[in-house]
């Protein structure tokens, strides 16, 4: 009898875990991966991934991104360049050529300050990156207003490719 109860309890635990896994939605139905980063020390910047229906715990800020949709990536090219920082218009959009989509991107100021790059996630694929220079110095934007001097060089790069479903 005891063996039967243990067996039934084990089967019930496995079924409950399986149902929980089946209900979990990472990434979400639209391909978005939902995450949160810790705002303060200890472990400031720590990233956790959460279910699409969950909310970030206290002390964390939401940070979501699109997963790369399935498909075949081909004709990948590297796009690199630079431009001169204009404090009146600090942010910049850089577009992939020939209807290619962004696979990854990066940017930094000439004084080696990394800059946030956002890949537009309004659709399954994005054809451009947004470079954010005029941050507040908090959250995901590491720069503070005026930290990047007028006329300073901003360098960027991205991998662009064609993708088939």
N, C-alpha and C. Protein backbone atom coordinates (compact mmCIF):
# COMPACT_ATOMS: atom_id res chain seq x y z
N UNK A 1 0.82 -1.19 0.00
CA UNK A 1 0.00 0.00 0.00
C UNK A 1 0.87 1.26 0.00
N UNK A 2 1.89 1.27 0.85
CA UNK A 2 2.80 2.43 0.93
C UNK A 2 3.48 2.66 -0.42
N UNK A 3 3.89 1.59 -1.09
CA UNK A 3 4.55 1.69 -2.40
C UNK A 3 3.59 2.30 -3.42
N UNK A 4 2.33 1.93 -3.35
CA UNK A 4 1.35 2.46 -4.29
C UNK A 4 1.13 3.96 -4.06
N UNK A 5 1.11 4.41 -2.82
CA UNK A 5 0.93 5.83 -2.51
C UNK A 5 2.13 6.64 -3.01
N UNK A 6 3.33 6.11 -2.79
CA UNK A 6 4.54 6.79 -3.27
C UNK A 6 4.52 6.88 -4.79
N UNK A 7 4.13 5.80 -5.46
CA UNK A 7 4.06 5.79 -6.92
C UNK A 7 3.03 6.81 -7.42
N UNK A 8 1.87 6.85 -6.80
CA UNK A 8 0.83 7.80 -7.22
C UNK A 8 1.28 9.24 -6.96
N UNK A 9 1.95 9.48 -5.87
CA UNK A 9 2.45 10.83 -5.57
C UNK A 9 3.50 11.25 -6.59
N UNK A 10 4.36 10.33 -6.97
CA UNK A 10 5.39 10.63 -7.97
C UNK A 10 4.75 10.94 -9.32
N UNK A 11 3.79 10.13 -9.73
CA UNK A 11 3.09 10.37 -11.01
C UNK A 11 2.39 11.73 -10.98
N UNK A 12 1.73 12.05 -9.86
CA UNK A 12 1.04 13.34 -9.74
C UNK A 12 2.03 14.49 -9.83
N UNK A 13 3.18 14.38 -9.17
CA UNK A 13 4.19 15.43 -9.23
C UNK A 13 4.71 15.63 -10.65
N UNK A 14 4.96 14.55 -11.37
CA UNK A 14 5.44 14.64 -12.75
C UNK A 14 4.38 15.28 -13.64
N UNK A 15 3.12 14.91 -13.46
CA UNK A 15 2.05 15.51 -14.26
C UNK A 15 1.91 17.01 -13.98
N UNK A 16 1.96 17.39 -12.72
CA UNK A 16 1.85 18.81 -12.37
C UNK A 16 3.03 19.59 -12.96
N UNK A 17 4.24 19.04 -12.86
CA UNK A 17 5.40 19.71 -13.45
C UNK A 17 5.25 19.82 -14.96
N UNK A 18 4.75 18.77 -15.60
CA UNK A 18 4.56 18.79 -17.05
C UNK A 18 3.54 19.83 -17.48
N UNK A 19 2.48 19.95 -16.70
CA UNK A 19 1.46 20.96 -17.02
C UNK A 19 2.06 22.36 -16.86
N UNK A 20 2.84 22.57 -15.81
CA UNK A 20 3.49 23.87 -15.61
C UNK A 20 4.41 24.21 -16.75
N UNK A 21 5.16 23.24 -17.22
CA UNK A 21 6.07 23.48 -18.35
C UNK A 21 5.26 23.77 -19.61
N UNK A 22 4.18 23.05 -19.81
CA UNK A 22 3.36 23.26 -21.01
C UNK A 22 2.73 24.65 -20.99
N UNK A 23 2.36 25.17 -19.82
CA UNK A 23 1.76 26.48 -19.73
C UNK A 23 2.78 27.60 -19.81
N UNK A 24 4.01 27.32 -19.44
CA UNK A 24 5.05 28.35 -19.51
C UNK A 24 5.22 28.79 -20.95
N UNK A 25 5.48 30.05 -21.11
CA UNK A 25 5.52 30.61 -22.45
C UNK A 25 6.79 31.43 -22.62
N UNK A 26 7.91 30.74 -22.81
CA UNK A 26 9.20 31.40 -23.02
C UNK A 26 9.80 30.81 -24.30
N UNK A 27 9.97 31.56 -25.36
CA UNK A 27 9.48 32.93 -25.53
C UNK A 27 7.96 32.96 -25.64
N UNK A 28 7.41 34.18 -25.56
CA UNK A 28 5.97 34.37 -25.66
C UNK A 28 5.46 34.02 -27.05
N UNK A 29 4.16 34.05 -27.23
CA UNK A 29 3.55 33.67 -28.51
C UNK A 29 4.05 34.50 -29.70
N UNK A 30 4.47 35.74 -29.46
CA UNK A 30 4.95 36.59 -30.55
C UNK A 30 6.46 36.53 -30.72
N UNK A 31 7.13 35.62 -30.00
CA UNK A 31 8.58 35.49 -30.12
C UNK A 31 9.36 36.36 -29.15
N UNK A 32 8.67 37.12 -28.29
CA UNK A 32 9.35 37.99 -27.35
C UNK A 32 9.84 37.19 -26.15
N UNK A 33 11.08 37.44 -25.73
CA UNK A 33 11.61 36.87 -24.50
C UNK A 33 11.48 37.96 -23.44
N UNK A 34 10.82 37.62 -22.35
CA UNK A 34 10.57 38.59 -21.29
C UNK A 34 11.60 38.42 -20.19
N UNK A 35 12.24 39.53 -19.82
CA UNK A 35 13.26 39.48 -18.79
C UNK A 35 13.17 40.68 -17.87
N UNK A 36 13.97 40.64 -16.83
CA UNK A 36 14.04 41.72 -15.85
C UNK A 36 15.49 41.84 -15.41
N UNK A 37 15.95 43.09 -15.20
CA UNK A 37 17.29 43.27 -14.65
C UNK A 37 17.19 43.97 -13.31
N UNK A 38 18.10 43.59 -12.39
CA UNK A 38 18.11 44.10 -11.02
C UNK A 38 18.62 45.54 -11.02
N UNK A 39 17.91 46.41 -10.31
CA UNK A 39 18.22 47.84 -10.31
C UNK A 39 19.38 48.23 -9.42
N UNK A 40 19.58 47.55 -8.29
CA UNK A 40 20.55 47.99 -7.29
C UNK A 40 21.44 46.84 -6.84
N UNK A 41 22.52 47.21 -6.14
CA UNK A 41 23.39 46.20 -5.53
C UNK A 41 22.67 45.59 -4.34
N UNK A 42 22.95 44.40 -3.93
CA UNK A 42 23.89 43.50 -4.58
C UNK A 42 23.31 42.94 -5.87
N UNK A 43 24.17 42.50 -6.74
CA UNK A 43 23.80 41.88 -8.02
C UNK A 43 23.13 42.84 -8.99
N UNK A 44 23.47 44.12 -8.95
CA UNK A 44 22.91 45.08 -9.88
C UNK A 44 23.20 44.62 -11.31
N UNK A 45 22.19 44.68 -12.17
CA UNK A 45 22.34 44.27 -13.56
C UNK A 45 22.04 42.81 -13.79
N UNK A 46 21.83 42.03 -12.73
CA UNK A 46 21.52 40.62 -12.88
C UNK A 46 20.27 40.47 -13.73
N UNK A 47 20.30 39.58 -14.70
CA UNK A 47 19.19 39.37 -15.62
C UNK A 47 18.49 38.07 -15.30
N UNK A 48 17.16 38.12 -15.23
CA UNK A 48 16.37 36.91 -15.09
C UNK A 48 15.37 36.86 -16.24
N UNK A 49 14.99 35.68 -16.65
CA UNK A 49 14.00 35.50 -17.70
C UNK A 49 12.71 35.04 -17.03
N UNK A 50 11.59 35.63 -17.45
CA UNK A 50 10.30 35.31 -16.84
C UNK A 50 9.31 34.87 -17.92
N UNK A 51 8.24 34.27 -17.48
CA UNK A 51 7.16 33.85 -18.37
C UNK A 51 6.48 35.08 -18.96
N UNK A 52 5.90 34.93 -20.14
CA UNK A 52 5.27 36.07 -20.82
C UNK A 52 4.10 36.65 -20.04
N UNK A 53 3.52 35.89 -19.14
CA UNK A 53 2.38 36.38 -18.37
C UNK A 53 2.80 36.91 -17.00
N UNK A 54 4.08 36.81 -16.65
CA UNK A 54 4.57 37.23 -15.33
C UNK A 54 4.98 38.70 -15.35
N UNK A 55 5.18 39.23 -14.16
CA UNK A 55 5.70 40.59 -14.02
C UNK A 55 7.03 40.51 -13.26
N UNK A 56 7.82 41.55 -13.42
CA UNK A 56 9.13 41.59 -12.76
C UNK A 56 8.94 41.71 -11.25
N UNK A 57 9.83 41.04 -10.49
CA UNK A 57 9.75 41.19 -9.04
C UNK A 57 10.15 42.60 -8.61
N UNK A 58 9.86 42.93 -7.39
CA UNK A 58 10.23 44.23 -6.83
C UNK A 58 11.74 44.41 -6.92
N UNK A 59 12.18 45.61 -7.31
CA UNK A 59 13.61 45.89 -7.43
C UNK A 59 14.18 45.54 -8.79
N UNK A 60 13.35 45.10 -9.72
CA UNK A 60 13.78 44.75 -11.08
C UNK A 60 13.03 45.62 -12.08
N UNK A 61 13.64 45.85 -13.24
CA UNK A 61 13.03 46.59 -14.33
C UNK A 61 12.89 45.68 -15.53
N UNK A 62 11.79 45.81 -16.23
CA UNK A 62 11.50 44.97 -17.41
C UNK A 62 12.50 45.23 -18.53
N UNK A 63 12.93 44.16 -19.19
CA UNK A 63 13.82 44.25 -20.35
C UNK A 63 13.44 43.10 -21.27
N UNK A 64 12.74 43.40 -22.34
CA UNK A 64 12.23 42.38 -23.25
C UNK A 64 12.91 42.47 -24.60
N UNK A 65 13.03 41.33 -25.30
CA UNK A 65 13.62 41.34 -26.62
C UNK A 65 13.03 40.22 -27.45
N UNK A 66 13.14 40.37 -28.76
CA UNK A 66 12.63 39.35 -29.67
C UNK A 66 13.66 38.25 -29.83
N UNK A 67 13.18 37.02 -29.85
CA UNK A 67 14.07 35.92 -30.18
C UNK A 67 14.22 35.91 -31.70
N UNK A 68 15.29 35.35 -32.17
CA UNK A 68 15.49 35.28 -33.62
C UNK A 68 14.50 34.26 -34.17
N UNK A 69 13.63 34.66 -35.09
CA UNK A 69 12.66 33.73 -35.65
C UNK A 69 13.38 32.60 -36.37
N UNK A 70 12.72 31.46 -36.40
CA UNK A 70 13.35 30.33 -37.09
C UNK A 70 13.39 30.62 -38.58
N UNK A 71 14.34 30.07 -39.24
CA UNK A 71 14.51 30.27 -40.67
C UNK A 71 15.96 30.10 -41.03
N UNK A 72 16.23 30.23 -42.30
CA UNK A 72 17.59 30.10 -42.78
C UNK A 72 18.18 31.48 -43.01
N UNK A 73 19.33 31.72 -42.42
CA UNK A 73 20.03 32.99 -42.60
C UNK A 73 21.03 32.81 -43.72
N UNK A 74 21.00 33.71 -44.70
CA UNK A 74 21.95 33.63 -45.80
C UNK A 74 22.32 35.03 -46.27
N UNK A 75 23.36 35.11 -47.07
CA UNK A 75 23.86 36.39 -47.60
C UNK A 75 24.11 37.40 -46.48
N UNK A 76 24.74 36.95 -45.40
CA UNK A 76 25.04 37.84 -44.29
C UNK A 76 26.17 38.78 -44.66
N UNK A 77 26.04 40.03 -44.24
CA UNK A 77 27.09 41.02 -44.48
C UNK A 77 27.34 41.80 -43.19
N UNK A 78 28.51 42.36 -43.08
CA UNK A 78 28.86 43.22 -41.96
C UNK A 78 28.74 44.67 -42.43
N UNK A 79 28.06 45.47 -41.64
CA UNK A 79 27.93 46.88 -41.95
C UNK A 79 28.60 47.65 -40.81
N UNK A 80 29.62 48.42 -41.12
CA UNK A 80 30.30 49.23 -40.11
C UNK A 80 30.36 50.67 -40.59
N UNK A 81 30.44 51.58 -39.66
CA UNK A 81 30.52 52.97 -40.05
C UNK A 81 30.73 53.87 -38.84
N UNK A 82 30.70 55.14 -39.10
CA UNK A 82 30.83 56.12 -38.02
C UNK A 82 30.10 57.38 -38.43
N UNK A 83 29.83 58.21 -37.46
CA UNK A 83 29.23 59.51 -37.71
C UNK A 83 29.67 60.45 -36.59
N UNK A 84 29.44 61.72 -36.78
CA UNK A 84 29.82 62.73 -35.81
C UNK A 84 28.64 63.03 -34.90
N UNK A 85 28.88 62.94 -33.60
CA UNK A 85 27.81 63.15 -32.62
C UNK A 85 27.32 64.60 -32.65
N UNK A 86 26.01 64.76 -32.69
CA UNK A 86 25.36 66.06 -32.65
C UNK A 86 24.46 66.07 -31.41
N UNK A 87 24.80 66.86 -30.40
CA UNK A 87 24.05 66.86 -29.15
C UNK A 87 22.60 67.31 -29.33
N UNK A 88 22.31 68.08 -30.37
CA UNK A 88 20.93 68.51 -30.62
C UNK A 88 20.08 67.35 -31.13
N UNK A 89 20.69 66.39 -31.83
CA UNK A 89 20.01 65.21 -32.36
C UNK A 89 20.87 63.99 -32.02
N UNK A 90 20.86 63.56 -30.75
CA UNK A 90 21.85 62.58 -30.30
C UNK A 90 21.63 61.14 -30.76
N UNK A 91 20.39 60.74 -31.00
CA UNK A 91 20.13 59.35 -31.35
C UNK A 91 20.16 59.17 -32.86
N UNK A 92 20.47 57.97 -33.30
CA UNK A 92 20.65 57.72 -34.73
C UNK A 92 20.02 56.38 -35.09
N UNK A 93 19.46 56.31 -36.29
CA UNK A 93 18.95 55.05 -36.83
C UNK A 93 19.82 54.67 -38.02
N UNK A 94 20.28 53.42 -38.02
CA UNK A 94 21.11 52.90 -39.11
C UNK A 94 20.37 51.71 -39.71
N UNK A 95 20.21 51.71 -41.02
CA UNK A 95 19.41 50.70 -41.70
C UNK A 95 20.28 49.72 -42.49
N UNK A 96 19.87 48.45 -42.48
CA UNK A 96 20.54 47.44 -43.30
C UNK A 96 20.24 47.70 -44.78
N UNK A 97 21.19 47.43 -45.65
CA UNK A 97 20.94 47.61 -47.08
C UNK A 97 20.16 46.44 -47.68
N UNK A 98 19.58 46.66 -48.83
CA UNK A 98 18.97 45.61 -49.64
C UNK A 98 17.92 44.79 -48.91
N UNK A 99 17.11 45.41 -48.08
CA UNK A 99 16.02 44.73 -47.35
C UNK A 99 16.52 43.59 -46.46
N UNK A 100 17.78 43.63 -46.08
CA UNK A 100 18.28 42.63 -45.14
C UNK A 100 17.77 42.98 -43.74
N UNK A 101 17.84 42.01 -42.83
CA UNK A 101 17.39 42.22 -41.46
C UNK A 101 18.58 42.18 -40.51
N UNK A 102 18.42 42.82 -39.35
CA UNK A 102 19.48 42.90 -38.36
C UNK A 102 19.57 41.58 -37.59
N UNK A 103 20.76 41.04 -37.51
CA UNK A 103 21.02 39.87 -36.68
C UNK A 103 21.61 40.32 -35.34
N UNK A 104 22.51 41.30 -35.36
CA UNK A 104 23.07 41.87 -34.13
C UNK A 104 23.63 43.25 -34.44
N UNK A 105 23.91 44.02 -33.40
CA UNK A 105 24.45 45.36 -33.60
C UNK A 105 25.19 45.86 -32.38
N UNK A 106 26.06 46.84 -32.57
CA UNK A 106 26.86 47.43 -31.48
C UNK A 106 27.19 48.86 -31.82
N UNK A 107 27.57 49.64 -30.81
CA UNK A 107 28.02 51.02 -31.03
C UNK A 107 28.83 51.47 -29.81
N UNK A 108 29.78 52.38 -30.06
CA UNK A 108 30.52 52.99 -28.96
C UNK A 108 31.02 54.35 -29.39
N UNK A 109 31.25 55.20 -28.39
CA UNK A 109 31.80 56.53 -28.65
C UNK A 109 33.30 56.42 -28.78
N UNK A 110 33.91 57.42 -29.40
CA UNK A 110 35.34 57.41 -29.63
C UNK A 110 36.17 57.29 -28.37
N UNK A 111 35.59 57.64 -27.22
CA UNK A 111 36.31 57.50 -25.96
C UNK A 111 36.01 56.16 -25.29
N UNK A 112 35.63 55.17 -26.10
CA UNK A 112 35.40 53.78 -25.67
C UNK A 112 34.22 53.61 -24.71
N UNK A 113 33.24 54.49 -24.77
CA UNK A 113 32.03 54.31 -23.97
C UNK A 113 31.04 53.50 -24.81
N UNK A 114 30.65 52.30 -24.33
CA UNK A 114 29.66 51.53 -25.09
C UNK A 114 28.31 52.24 -25.08
N UNK A 115 27.61 52.16 -26.18
CA UNK A 115 26.31 52.83 -26.31
C UNK A 115 25.21 51.80 -26.51
N UNK A 116 24.03 52.06 -25.96
CA UNK A 116 22.91 51.14 -26.15
C UNK A 116 22.48 51.09 -27.61
N UNK A 117 22.24 49.90 -28.09
CA UNK A 117 21.73 49.69 -29.44
C UNK A 117 20.43 48.91 -29.30
N UNK A 118 19.36 49.43 -29.88
CA UNK A 118 18.07 48.77 -29.83
C UNK A 118 17.74 48.26 -31.22
N UNK A 119 17.41 46.99 -31.29
CA UNK A 119 16.93 46.42 -32.55
C UNK A 119 15.41 46.52 -32.49
N UNK A 120 14.84 47.25 -33.44
CA UNK A 120 13.39 47.48 -33.44
C UNK A 120 12.66 46.15 -33.46
N UNK A 121 11.78 45.97 -32.48
CA UNK A 121 11.05 44.71 -32.37
C UNK A 121 9.57 44.85 -32.68
N UNK A 122 9.23 45.78 -33.56
CA UNK A 122 7.81 45.97 -33.86
C UNK A 122 7.29 44.88 -34.79
N UNK A 123 8.18 44.14 -35.39
CA UNK A 123 7.77 43.02 -36.25
C UNK A 123 8.72 41.86 -35.99
N UNK A 124 8.51 40.78 -36.71
CA UNK A 124 9.37 39.61 -36.50
C UNK A 124 10.83 39.92 -36.81
N UNK A 125 11.05 40.73 -37.82
CA UNK A 125 12.41 41.09 -38.21
C UNK A 125 12.54 42.60 -38.24
N UNK A 126 13.72 43.10 -37.98
CA UNK A 126 13.97 44.53 -38.05
C UNK A 126 15.01 44.80 -39.12
N UNK A 127 14.83 45.90 -39.82
CA UNK A 127 15.79 46.27 -40.86
C UNK A 127 16.73 47.37 -40.38
N UNK A 128 16.61 47.79 -39.11
CA UNK A 128 17.47 48.87 -38.62
C UNK A 128 17.77 48.72 -37.13
N UNK A 129 18.81 49.46 -36.70
CA UNK A 129 19.13 49.58 -35.28
C UNK A 129 18.98 51.03 -34.87
N UNK A 130 18.69 51.25 -33.60
CA UNK A 130 18.64 52.59 -33.03
C UNK A 130 19.82 52.72 -32.07
N UNK A 131 20.63 53.75 -32.25
CA UNK A 131 21.76 54.01 -31.37
C UNK A 131 21.35 55.14 -30.43
N UNK A 132 21.39 54.87 -29.13
CA UNK A 132 20.96 55.85 -28.13
C UNK A 132 22.18 56.44 -27.43
N UNK A 133 22.38 57.73 -27.61
CA UNK A 133 23.53 58.41 -27.03
C UNK A 133 23.13 59.24 -25.83
N UNK A 134 21.98 59.86 -25.85
CA UNK A 134 21.59 60.81 -24.80
C UNK A 134 20.81 60.13 -23.71
N UNK A 135 21.47 59.29 -22.94
CA UNK A 135 20.81 58.60 -21.85
C UNK A 135 20.73 59.45 -20.61
N UNK A 136 20.09 58.92 -19.61
CA UNK A 136 19.94 59.62 -18.34
C UNK A 136 21.00 59.21 -17.34
N UNK A 137 21.79 58.19 -17.69
CA UNK A 137 22.79 57.69 -16.76
C UNK A 137 22.23 56.62 -15.84
N UNK A 138 20.96 56.26 -16.02
CA UNK A 138 20.34 55.21 -15.21
C UNK A 138 19.73 54.18 -16.13
N UNK A 139 19.34 53.06 -15.57
CA UNK A 139 18.70 52.03 -16.38
C UNK A 139 19.64 51.51 -17.44
N UNK A 140 19.09 51.14 -18.60
CA UNK A 140 19.94 50.55 -19.62
C UNK A 140 20.80 51.55 -20.37
N UNK A 141 20.57 52.86 -20.18
CA UNK A 141 21.35 53.86 -20.90
C UNK A 141 22.51 54.32 -20.01
N UNK A 142 23.75 53.91 -20.33
CA UNK A 142 24.86 54.19 -19.43
C UNK A 142 25.39 55.61 -19.51
N UNK A 143 25.09 56.33 -20.58
CA UNK A 143 25.66 57.67 -20.73
C UNK A 143 24.81 58.70 -20.02
N UNK A 144 25.43 59.77 -19.59
CA UNK A 144 24.70 60.89 -19.01
C UNK A 144 24.74 62.04 -20.01
N UNK A 145 23.74 62.92 -20.00
CA UNK A 145 23.74 64.03 -20.95
C UNK A 145 25.06 64.80 -20.87
N UNK A 146 25.66 65.06 -22.00
CA UNK A 146 26.91 65.80 -22.05
C UNK A 146 28.15 64.94 -21.92
N UNK A 147 27.99 63.65 -21.59
CA UNK A 147 29.15 62.77 -21.44
C UNK A 147 29.85 62.53 -22.78
N UNK A 148 29.08 62.50 -23.85
CA UNK A 148 29.65 62.37 -25.19
C UNK A 148 29.72 63.78 -25.77
N UNK A 149 30.92 64.24 -26.07
CA UNK A 149 31.14 65.62 -26.51
C UNK A 149 30.58 65.88 -27.91
N UNK A 150 30.14 67.10 -28.12
CA UNK A 150 29.71 67.53 -29.45
C UNK A 150 30.85 67.28 -30.43
N UNK A 151 30.55 66.67 -31.56
CA UNK A 151 31.55 66.43 -32.60
C UNK A 151 32.37 65.16 -32.41
N UNK A 152 32.14 64.44 -31.32
CA UNK A 152 32.88 63.20 -31.09
C UNK A 152 32.42 62.13 -32.07
N UNK A 153 33.31 61.24 -32.44
CA UNK A 153 32.98 60.16 -33.37
C UNK A 153 32.22 59.06 -32.66
N UNK A 154 31.18 58.59 -33.30
CA UNK A 154 30.41 57.43 -32.83
C UNK A 154 30.63 56.33 -33.87
N UNK A 155 31.06 55.17 -33.42
CA UNK A 155 31.32 54.04 -34.31
C UNK A 155 30.22 52.99 -34.09
N UNK A 156 29.79 52.34 -35.17
CA UNK A 156 28.74 51.34 -35.06
C UNK A 156 29.02 50.20 -36.01
N UNK A 157 28.34 49.11 -35.76
CA UNK A 157 28.42 47.96 -36.65
C UNK A 157 27.20 47.08 -36.45
N UNK A 158 26.88 46.33 -37.46
CA UNK A 158 25.78 45.38 -37.35
C UNK A 158 25.97 44.28 -38.38
N UNK A 159 25.37 43.16 -38.09
CA UNK A 159 25.34 42.04 -39.03
C UNK A 159 23.95 42.03 -39.63
N UNK A 160 23.88 42.11 -40.95
CA UNK A 160 22.62 42.11 -41.67
C UNK A 160 22.58 40.87 -42.57
N UNK A 161 21.40 40.29 -42.70
CA UNK A 161 21.29 39.07 -43.52
C UNK A 161 19.89 38.97 -44.10
N UNK A 162 19.78 38.10 -45.06
CA UNK A 162 18.47 37.74 -45.57
C UNK A 162 18.04 36.47 -44.83
N UNK A 163 16.75 36.34 -44.58
CA UNK A 163 16.24 35.20 -43.82
C UNK A 163 15.03 34.64 -44.54
N UNK A 164 15.02 33.32 -44.66
CA UNK A 164 13.83 32.66 -45.23
C UNK A 164 13.10 31.94 -44.11
N UNK A 165 11.80 31.84 -44.20
CA UNK A 165 11.03 31.15 -43.15
C UNK A 165 11.36 29.67 -43.09
